[in-house]
N, C-alpha and C. Protein backbone atom coordinates (compact mmCIF):
# COMPACT_ATOMS: atom_id res chain seq x y z
N MET A 1 52.39 84.75 57.23
CA MET A 1 53.20 83.78 56.50
C MET A 1 52.80 84.42 54.72
N PRO A 2 53.68 85.39 53.86
CA PRO A 2 53.42 85.73 52.46
C PRO A 2 52.53 84.68 51.64
N THR A 3 51.37 85.24 50.63
CA THR A 3 50.44 84.53 49.75
C THR A 3 50.50 85.53 48.65
N ILE A 4 51.09 84.80 47.50
CA ILE A 4 50.76 85.39 46.25
C ILE A 4 49.71 85.14 45.35
N SER A 5 49.00 85.18 44.68
CA SER A 5 48.02 84.57 43.52
C SER A 5 48.23 85.28 42.78
N GLY A 6 47.27 84.60 41.65
CA GLY A 6 47.26 85.23 40.82
C GLY A 6 45.74 84.30 39.51
N LYS A 7 45.95 85.03 38.04
CA LYS A 7 44.61 84.37 37.89
C LYS A 7 45.68 84.52 35.65
N THR A 8 46.11 83.47 35.50
CA THR A 8 46.53 83.25 34.30
C THR A 8 45.95 82.68 32.95
N THR A 9 45.85 84.04 32.15
CA THR A 9 45.19 83.20 31.27
C THR A 9 46.57 82.43 29.99
N VAL A 10 46.63 81.20 29.82
CA VAL A 10 46.97 80.46 28.80
C VAL A 10 46.77 80.50 27.55
N PRO A 11 47.43 81.17 26.09
CA PRO A 11 46.63 80.80 24.85
C PRO A 11 46.41 79.18 24.38
N ALA A 12 45.35 79.68 23.51
CA ALA A 12 45.46 78.32 23.19
C ALA A 12 46.47 78.34 21.84
N ALA A 13 46.98 76.16 22.23
CA ALA A 13 48.25 75.46 21.47
C ALA A 13 49.28 76.76 22.66
N GLY A 14 49.13 77.41 23.57
CA GLY A 14 50.18 78.07 23.88
C GLY A 14 51.14 77.64 25.31
N ARG A 15 51.63 79.01 25.68
CA ARG A 15 52.45 78.39 26.81
C ARG A 15 52.69 80.10 27.94
N VAL A 16 53.08 79.55 29.49
CA VAL A 16 53.70 80.61 30.04
C VAL A 16 54.77 80.01 30.53
N ASP A 17 55.72 80.66 30.54
CA ASP A 17 57.09 80.33 30.71
C ASP A 17 57.67 80.49 32.15
N ASN A 18 57.10 81.22 32.96
CA ASN A 18 56.62 81.67 34.07
C ASN A 18 55.97 82.36 34.91
N ILE A 19 55.28 81.92 35.58
CA ILE A 19 53.66 82.22 36.29
C ILE A 19 54.36 83.18 37.18
N LEU A 20 55.68 83.37 37.74
CA LEU A 20 56.00 84.14 38.74
C LEU A 20 56.94 85.44 38.44
N LEU A 21 57.28 85.12 37.01
CA LEU A 21 58.32 86.39 36.72
C LEU A 21 58.13 87.31 37.15
N GLY A 22 58.65 88.63 37.96
CA GLY A 22 59.40 89.90 37.94
C GLY A 22 58.04 90.19 38.89
N SER A 23 57.94 88.79 39.93
CA SER A 23 57.16 89.26 40.93
C SER A 23 58.73 89.02 42.37
N GLN A 24 57.68 89.18 43.90
CA GLN A 24 58.93 89.59 44.77
C GLN A 24 59.50 88.18 44.61
N TYR A 25 58.35 87.05 44.44
CA TYR A 25 58.76 85.55 45.05
C TYR A 25 59.20 84.59 43.49
N GLU A 26 59.40 85.26 42.91
CA GLU A 26 60.52 84.72 41.80
C GLU A 26 61.57 84.54 42.63
N LEU A 27 62.40 84.76 43.05
CA LEU A 27 63.96 84.35 44.14
C LEU A 27 63.28 84.66 45.42
N SER A 28 63.27 83.27 45.89
CA SER A 28 62.82 82.70 47.73
C SER A 28 63.75 84.22 48.42
N PRO A 29 63.42 85.00 49.16
CA PRO A 29 63.57 86.18 49.81
C PRO A 29 64.43 85.55 51.02
N ALA A 30 63.62 84.33 51.47
CA ALA A 30 64.93 83.84 52.46
C ALA A 30 65.12 82.23 52.67
N ASP A 31 65.23 81.03 53.98
CA ASP A 31 65.05 80.04 53.49
C ASP A 31 63.34 79.74 54.27
N GLY A 32 62.70 79.20 53.63
CA GLY A 32 61.68 78.57 54.08
C GLY A 32 61.32 77.77 53.53
N THR A 33 59.52 77.20 53.51
CA THR A 33 58.73 76.27 52.99
C THR A 33 57.66 77.02 51.67
N ILE A 34 57.44 76.44 50.77
CA ILE A 34 56.54 76.92 49.76
C ILE A 34 55.64 75.45 49.17
N GLU A 35 54.35 76.20 49.64
CA GLU A 35 52.84 75.53 49.11
C GLU A 35 53.15 75.94 48.07
N ILE A 36 52.48 75.46 46.64
CA ILE A 36 51.89 75.72 46.08
C ILE A 36 50.42 74.99 45.45
N GLY A 37 49.37 75.63 45.29
CA GLY A 37 47.97 75.52 44.36
C GLY A 37 47.50 76.14 43.12
N ILE A 38 47.18 74.88 42.08
CA ILE A 38 46.88 75.33 40.77
C ILE A 38 45.98 74.71 40.71
N GLN A 39 44.87 75.47 39.98
CA GLN A 39 44.07 75.31 38.94
C GLN A 39 43.75 75.52 37.57
N SER A 40 42.90 74.75 37.16
CA SER A 40 42.58 74.88 35.46
C SER A 40 41.39 74.93 35.24
N ASP A 41 40.72 75.41 34.22
CA ASP A 41 39.60 75.32 33.63
C ASP A 41 39.92 74.55 32.43
N ARG A 42 40.47 73.61 31.75
CA ARG A 42 40.75 72.94 30.54
C ARG A 42 41.82 72.15 31.96
N LEU A 43 41.24 70.76 30.66
CA LEU A 43 41.98 69.29 31.36
C LEU A 43 42.71 69.20 30.47
N THR A 44 43.45 70.45 29.61
CA THR A 44 44.80 69.86 28.45
C THR A 44 45.59 71.08 29.22
N THR A 45 45.45 70.99 30.35
CA THR A 45 46.36 72.17 31.19
C THR A 45 47.45 71.35 31.45
N THR A 46 48.87 71.17 31.42
CA THR A 46 50.22 71.10 32.49
C THR A 46 51.13 72.31 32.83
N CYS A 47 51.71 71.37 33.62
CA CYS A 47 52.94 72.16 34.27
C CYS A 47 54.11 71.57 34.27
N ALA A 48 55.23 72.37 34.54
CA ALA A 48 56.15 72.10 35.28
C ALA A 48 56.68 73.09 36.07
N ILE A 49 57.00 72.69 37.13
CA ILE A 49 57.43 73.01 38.63
C ILE A 49 59.14 73.30 38.94
N PHE A 50 59.50 73.72 39.14
CA PHE A 50 61.24 74.03 40.02
C PHE A 50 61.09 74.70 41.06
N SER A 51 62.12 74.21 41.50
CA SER A 51 62.16 75.47 42.80
C SER A 51 63.61 75.45 43.38
N GLY A 52 64.43 76.00 43.07
CA GLY A 52 66.39 76.48 43.00
C GLY A 52 66.77 74.82 42.41
N PRO A 53 67.43 74.15 42.61
CA PRO A 53 67.81 73.12 41.75
C PRO A 53 66.47 71.69 42.28
N ASP A 54 65.40 72.09 42.54
CA ASP A 54 64.26 70.82 42.64
C ASP A 54 63.41 70.72 41.23
N VAL A 55 63.41 69.84 41.37
CA VAL A 55 62.65 69.50 40.41
C VAL A 55 60.75 68.76 41.31
N LEU A 56 60.12 70.08 41.67
CA LEU A 56 58.76 69.09 42.18
C LEU A 56 57.71 68.68 41.09
N GLN A 57 57.39 69.49 39.87
CA GLN A 57 56.95 68.62 38.77
C GLN A 57 57.30 68.74 37.41
N GLU A 58 57.83 67.38 36.74
CA GLU A 58 58.58 67.08 35.61
C GLU A 58 57.60 68.44 34.38
N PRO A 59 58.05 68.51 33.41
CA PRO A 59 57.19 69.18 32.50
C PRO A 59 56.55 67.72 32.18
N GLY A 60 54.99 68.31 31.78
CA GLY A 60 53.56 67.46 31.06
C GLY A 60 53.07 67.13 32.53
N GLY A 61 53.37 67.30 33.61
CA GLY A 61 52.20 66.64 34.90
C GLY A 61 50.88 67.35 34.31
N GLN A 62 50.15 67.19 35.19
CA GLN A 62 48.55 67.31 34.81
C GLN A 62 48.07 68.44 35.87
N VAL A 63 47.95 69.49 35.49
CA VAL A 63 46.84 70.41 36.32
C VAL A 63 45.86 70.07 36.65
N PRO A 64 45.37 70.09 38.30
CA PRO A 64 44.37 69.50 38.58
C PRO A 64 43.02 70.14 37.90
N PHE A 65 42.04 70.00 37.69
CA PHE A 65 40.74 70.02 36.74
C PHE A 65 39.78 71.38 37.67
N THR A 66 39.32 71.94 37.44
CA THR A 66 38.04 72.69 38.48
C THR A 66 37.07 72.85 37.71
N THR A 67 35.56 72.11 38.43
CA THR A 67 34.33 72.38 37.02
C THR A 67 33.55 73.53 37.31
N ASN A 68 34.21 74.51 38.10
CA ASN A 68 34.38 75.77 38.56
C ASN A 68 34.35 76.72 37.46
N GLY A 69 35.61 76.66 36.43
CA GLY A 69 35.12 77.25 35.63
C GLY A 69 36.46 78.16 36.70
N THR A 70 36.52 79.06 36.21
CA THR A 70 37.72 80.61 36.40
C THR A 70 37.26 81.17 38.18
N GLN A 71 35.81 80.78 38.85
CA GLN A 71 35.41 81.00 39.71
C GLN A 71 36.18 80.54 41.13
N THR A 72 36.78 79.62 40.79
CA THR A 72 37.48 78.38 42.12
C THR A 72 39.33 79.10 42.22
N MET A 73 39.19 79.61 42.87
CA MET A 73 41.16 79.18 43.66
C MET A 73 41.29 78.18 44.42
N PRO A 74 42.12 77.96 44.06
CA PRO A 74 42.54 76.51 44.90
C PRO A 74 42.31 76.99 46.74
N ARG A 75 41.84 76.00 47.19
CA ARG A 75 41.49 75.95 49.16
C ARG A 75 42.40 74.87 49.43
N TYR A 76 43.37 75.56 50.35
CA TYR A 76 44.10 74.97 51.54
C TYR A 76 43.59 74.02 52.33
N PRO A 77 43.94 72.74 52.49
CA PRO A 77 45.46 72.47 51.89
C PRO A 77 45.03 71.74 50.88
N ASP A 78 42.98 71.50 50.77
CA ASP A 78 43.40 70.36 50.33
C ASP A 78 43.79 70.10 48.19
N ASP A 79 43.66 71.36 47.56
CA ASP A 79 44.37 72.01 46.74
C ASP A 79 45.88 72.31 46.41
N TYR A 80 46.41 71.95 47.26
CA TYR A 80 47.90 72.54 47.41
C TYR A 80 48.83 71.14 47.38
N HIS A 81 49.44 70.82 46.02
CA HIS A 81 49.55 69.68 45.15
C HIS A 81 50.98 69.40 45.98
N TRP A 82 52.15 70.86 45.62
CA TRP A 82 53.21 71.15 46.02
C TRP A 82 53.67 71.82 46.71
N GLU A 83 54.58 71.35 47.45
CA GLU A 83 54.90 71.46 48.86
C GLU A 83 56.56 70.98 48.65
N ASP A 84 57.63 72.30 48.78
CA ASP A 84 59.31 72.30 49.19
C ASP A 84 60.32 72.89 49.97
N GLU A 85 61.03 72.74 50.57
CA GLU A 85 62.07 73.66 51.34
C GLU A 85 62.89 74.72 50.41
N VAL A 86 63.11 75.87 50.71
CA VAL A 86 63.74 76.93 49.54
C VAL A 86 64.60 77.53 50.34
N ALA A 87 65.86 77.93 49.52
CA ALA A 87 66.75 78.33 50.02
C ALA A 87 66.82 79.88 49.52
N ARG A 88 67.29 80.68 50.23
CA ARG A 88 67.02 82.10 50.33
C ARG A 88 68.01 82.27 49.08
N GLY A 89 67.28 83.24 47.82
CA GLY A 89 67.82 82.98 46.28
C GLY A 89 67.60 82.26 45.64
N ASP A 90 66.65 81.11 45.95
CA ASP A 90 66.32 79.62 45.04
C ASP A 90 65.05 80.57 43.90
N ARG A 91 65.84 80.47 42.65
CA ARG A 91 64.57 80.76 41.77
C ARG A 91 63.31 79.88 41.66
N LEU A 92 61.91 80.31 41.33
CA LEU A 92 60.79 79.71 41.51
C LEU A 92 60.21 79.83 40.31
N LYS A 93 59.56 78.59 39.93
CA LYS A 93 59.34 78.62 38.46
C LYS A 93 58.36 77.61 38.32
N VAL A 94 57.60 78.54 37.71
CA VAL A 94 56.29 77.63 37.67
C VAL A 94 55.31 78.12 35.61
N THR A 95 55.81 76.67 34.81
CA THR A 95 55.89 76.72 34.00
C THR A 95 53.97 76.37 33.98
N LEU A 96 53.65 76.60 32.32
CA LEU A 96 51.99 76.27 32.56
C LEU A 96 51.75 76.14 30.71
N LEU A 97 51.61 74.77 30.27
CA LEU A 97 51.33 74.79 29.22
C LEU A 97 49.72 74.45 28.76
N ASN A 98 49.38 74.76 27.34
CA ASN A 98 47.54 74.35 26.98
C ASN A 98 47.90 73.33 25.93
N GLY A 99 47.42 72.84 26.12
CA GLY A 99 46.94 71.40 25.40
C GLY A 99 46.07 71.82 24.16
N ASP A 100 45.39 72.38 24.05
CA ASP A 100 43.76 72.94 23.81
C ASP A 100 44.36 73.65 22.58
N ALA A 101 44.01 73.12 21.59
CA ALA A 101 44.44 73.74 20.21
C ALA A 101 43.56 75.17 20.08
N VAL A 102 42.66 75.24 20.46
CA VAL A 102 41.62 75.87 20.00
C VAL A 102 40.90 77.14 21.41
N ASN A 103 40.54 76.56 22.61
CA ASN A 103 40.07 77.35 23.44
C ASN A 103 41.42 77.84 24.38
N PRO A 104 41.65 79.16 24.99
CA PRO A 104 43.05 79.38 25.63
C PRO A 104 42.41 78.92 27.65
N ALA A 105 43.15 78.37 28.47
CA ALA A 105 42.94 77.94 29.75
C ALA A 105 43.23 79.40 30.97
N ILE A 106 41.88 79.15 31.39
CA ILE A 106 42.55 80.17 32.59
C ILE A 106 42.42 79.51 34.19
N VAL A 107 44.03 79.52 34.44
CA VAL A 107 44.86 79.11 35.57
C VAL A 107 44.96 79.77 36.82
N ASN A 108 44.22 79.35 38.13
CA ASN A 108 44.17 79.87 39.22
C ASN A 108 44.98 79.63 39.49
N TRP A 109 46.37 80.33 40.99
CA TRP A 109 47.38 79.46 40.74
C TRP A 109 47.23 80.60 42.69
N ILE A 110 48.46 80.25 43.72
CA ILE A 110 48.11 80.95 44.66
C ILE A 110 49.96 79.93 45.30
N LEU A 111 50.34 80.97 45.92
CA LEU A 111 52.24 80.48 46.24
C LEU A 111 52.12 80.83 47.50
N ARG A 112 52.20 80.15 48.74
CA ARG A 112 52.03 80.56 49.90
C ARG A 112 53.87 80.69 50.12
N PHE A 113 54.62 81.38 51.16
CA PHE A 113 55.55 81.48 52.13
C PHE A 113 55.58 80.88 53.24
N THR A 114 56.95 80.45 53.78
CA THR A 114 56.98 80.49 55.15
C THR A 114 58.08 80.43 55.68
N PRO A 115 58.71 81.70 55.77
CA PRO A 115 60.10 81.77 56.45
C PRO A 115 60.26 80.99 57.09
N ALA A 116 61.54 80.19 57.67
CA ALA A 116 62.82 79.50 58.33
C ALA A 116 62.41 80.19 59.87
């Protein structure tokens, strides 16, 4: 089961259009299931998640907050709030927005892919 993970900094009052942009899993390599875990060190972080034609999280959805800051990665299965069946070639998009006008947000994320 392939897994990719990352730590993304979202600028103060800024956004990251797609944390998966340029990764091997921006486009689903095969039919399968994705599971996504995201945590932020700011209460003001929101996201939008799209999987091909499916909307998993509408824009403005709250990203789970962690009190451990940048040290904690999402734990399976408790911190994986989004799951979807994907088809080969589906574009996976995770957009992050930081509503804090002063401080950047650190977002830890993991995407698990299970081929069908």
